[in-house]
Amino acid sequence: MTDSPVKFSGKYYYACGKRKTSIARVRLYKGTGKVIINGKDSKDYLPTSDLLEILKSPAKLVKKDKDFDISAKVLGGGSVGQAEAIRHGVAKALLVFDPELRPALKKAGFITRDSRIKERKKYGLKRARKSPQWSKR
């Protein structure tokens, strides 16, 4: 298992998180609670502070938000999907750090991959399910 999506190297805890079309590669370093996303500070990268709260929520739940620096590389999707992909990755990386945290994270729903994605458009329709307007005459 050399290319495992969840692993521990000597310096950081690593996991991959996904949501919609966003994929986040998350690393947790021992630190003070800084968040770096795609090489930028989180306040510069995310449009609102609510999204920062979303991605920190697993660490806050287990009271480790001041113990780790979060470094994430994320691609695809929009800002909310990216924040939730990072949240998923942070939760999985915390499990690598301490498997005892699993019940709390599982109960909050942070470990489960949210598989809802946009449905494809079908031919003859305007969108996935919307049909053209029907006229009797």
Foldseek 3Di string as FASTA:
>chain_A
DVPDQFDDDPFWTWHWFFFAFKIKIKTKGFAAQFEAEQNHGPPVVAPDVVLVCLQLVLCVQVVCNGGIYMYMYMDDDDRNRNSLRSNLTVNRSVCNVPVVCVVSCVVVPSPDHPPDYADAADPQAPGNPHHPDDDPD
